[in-house]
Amino acid sequence: MALTALIPIPARINPSLRSAKQATMLQVLGSPRHTYDRECQPVLNPDLKEHLFTRSVGPFRVT
């Protein structure tokens, strides 16, 4: 099987799970930074930053 092959998720796994709303994430975690633009920029919020980690996951790194 190819690594890029899509595998269907059975309907019985987390049937009521929904993604968090942006307002909820901002309320709980805070805003990652004070200003935004089209370029990627680092997280400046120290409370949020302490929960971020960069790890090697095989051929690449993820944060």
C-alpha atoms as a PDB file:
ATOM      1  CA  MET A   1       0.000   0.000   0.000  1.00  0.00           C
ATOM      2  CA  ALA A   2       1.326   3.453  -0.869  1.00  0.00           C
ATOM      3  CA  LEU A   3       2.006   5.891   1.969  1.00  0.00           C
ATOM      4  CA  THR A   4      -0.314   8.357   0.270  1.00  0.00           C
ATOM      5  CA  ALA A   5      -3.226   5.910  -0.032  1.00  0.00           C
ATOM      6  CA  LEU A   6      -6.353   7.169   1.707  1.00  0.00           C
ATOM      7  CA  ILE A   7      -7.910   4.785   4.200  1.00  0.00           C
ATOM      8  CA  PRO A   8     -11.573   5.277   5.074  1.00  0.00           C
ATOM      9  CA  ILE A   9     -12.304   5.955   8.740  1.00  0.00           C
ATOM     10  CA  PRO A  10     -15.014   3.652  10.122  1.00  0.00           C
ATOM     11  CA  ALA A  11     -18.196   5.551  11.060  1.00  0.00           C
ATOM     12  CA  ARG A  12     -18.124   4.217  14.648  1.00  0.00           C
ATOM     13  CA  ILE A  13     -14.832   5.959  15.512  1.00  0.00           C
ATOM     14  CA  ASN A  14     -15.468   9.284  17.289  1.00  0.00           C
ATOM     15  CA  PRO A  15     -18.886   9.807  15.673  1.00  0.00           C
ATOM     16  CA  SER A  16     -19.656  12.973  17.685  1.00  0.00           C
ATOM     17  CA  LEU A  17     -16.159  14.479  17.512  1.00  0.00           C
ATOM     18  CA  ARG A  18     -16.072  17.977  16.012  1.00  0.00           C
ATOM     19  CA  SER A  19     -13.214  20.397  15.480  1.00  0.00           C
ATOM     20  CA  ALA A  20     -12.891  23.288  17.909  1.00  0.00           C
ATOM     21  CA  LYS A  21     -14.180  26.670  16.820  1.00  0.00           C
ATOM     22  CA  GLN A  22     -11.628  29.437  16.370  1.00  0.00           C
ATOM     23  CA  ALA A  23     -13.269  31.492  19.145  1.00  0.00           C
ATOM     24  CA  THR A  24     -12.887  28.569  21.566  1.00  0.00           C
ATOM     25  CA  MET A  25      -9.216  28.047  20.687  1.00  0.00           C
ATOM     26  CA  LEU A  26      -8.485  31.759  21.096  1.00  0.00           C
ATOM     27  CA  GLN A  27     -10.293  31.822  24.452  1.00  0.00           C
ATOM     28  CA  VAL A  28      -8.443  28.770  25.787  1.00  0.00           C
ATOM     29  CA  LEU A  29      -5.009  29.169  24.178  1.00  0.00           C
ATOM     30  CA  GLY A  30      -4.834  32.854  23.358  1.00  0.00           C
ATOM     31  CA  SER A  31      -3.664  34.458  20.152  1.00  0.00           C
ATOM     32  CA  PRO A  32      -0.300  33.210  18.833  1.00  0.00           C
ATOM     33  CA  ARG A  33       0.866  36.748  18.023  1.00  0.00           C
ATOM     34  CA  HIS A  34      -0.339  40.363  17.958  1.00  0.00           C
ATOM     35  CA  THR A  35       0.066  41.052  14.228  1.00  0.00           C
ATOM     36  CA  TYR A  36      -0.447  38.943  11.116  1.00  0.00           C
ATOM     37  CA  ASP A  37       0.477  39.121   7.461  1.00  0.00           C
ATOM     38  CA  ARG A  38       0.911  36.711   4.538  1.00  0.00           C
ATOM     39  CA  GLU A  39       4.303  35.407   5.722  1.00  0.00           C
ATOM     40  CA  CYS A  40       4.786  32.592   8.223  1.00  0.00           C
ATOM     41  CA  GLN A  41       5.988  33.960  11.538  1.00  0.00           C
ATOM     42  CA  PRO A  42       6.878  32.397  14.884  1.00  0.00           C
ATOM     43  CA  VAL A  43       4.495  32.122  17.811  1.00  0.00           C
ATOM     44  CA  LEU A  44       5.205  34.930  20.278  1.00  0.00           C
ATOM     45  CA  ASN A  45       2.630  34.135  22.981  1.00  0.00           C
ATOM     46  CA  PRO A  46       4.715  32.459  25.754  1.00  0.00           C
ATOM     47  CA  ASP A  47       1.701  30.581  27.193  1.00  0.00           C
ATOM     48  CA  LEU A  48       0.918  29.025  23.805  1.00  0.00           C
ATOM     49  CA  LYS A  49       4.556  28.585  22.805  1.00  0.00           C
ATOM     50  CA  GLU A  50       5.260  26.275  25.777  1.00  0.00           C
ATOM     51  CA  HIS A  51       2.845  23.731  24.248  1.00  0.00           C
ATOM     52  CA  LEU A  52       4.594  23.602  20.843  1.00  0.00           C
ATOM     53  CA  PHE A  53       7.291  21.071  20.044  1.00  0.00           C
ATOM     54  CA  THR A  54       9.219  20.278  16.875  1.00  0.00           C
ATOM     55  CA  ARG A  55      10.012  16.614  16.313  1.00  0.00           C
ATOM     56  CA  SER A  56      11.481  14.448  13.589  1.00  0.00           C
ATOM     57  CA  VAL A  57       8.899  12.089  12.123  1.00  0.00           C
ATOM     58  CA  GLY A  58      10.847  10.091   9.618  1.00  0.00           C
ATOM     59  CA  PRO A  59      12.030  12.048   6.589  1.00  0.00           C
ATOM     60  CA  PHE A  60      10.846  15.460   7.853  1.00  0.00           C
ATOM     61  CA  ARG A  61      10.267  17.569  10.956  1.00  0.00           C
ATOM     62  CA  VAL A  62       6.885  18.764  12.226  1.00  0.00           C
ATOM     63  CA  THR A  63       5.741  21.290  14.784  1.00  0.00           C
END
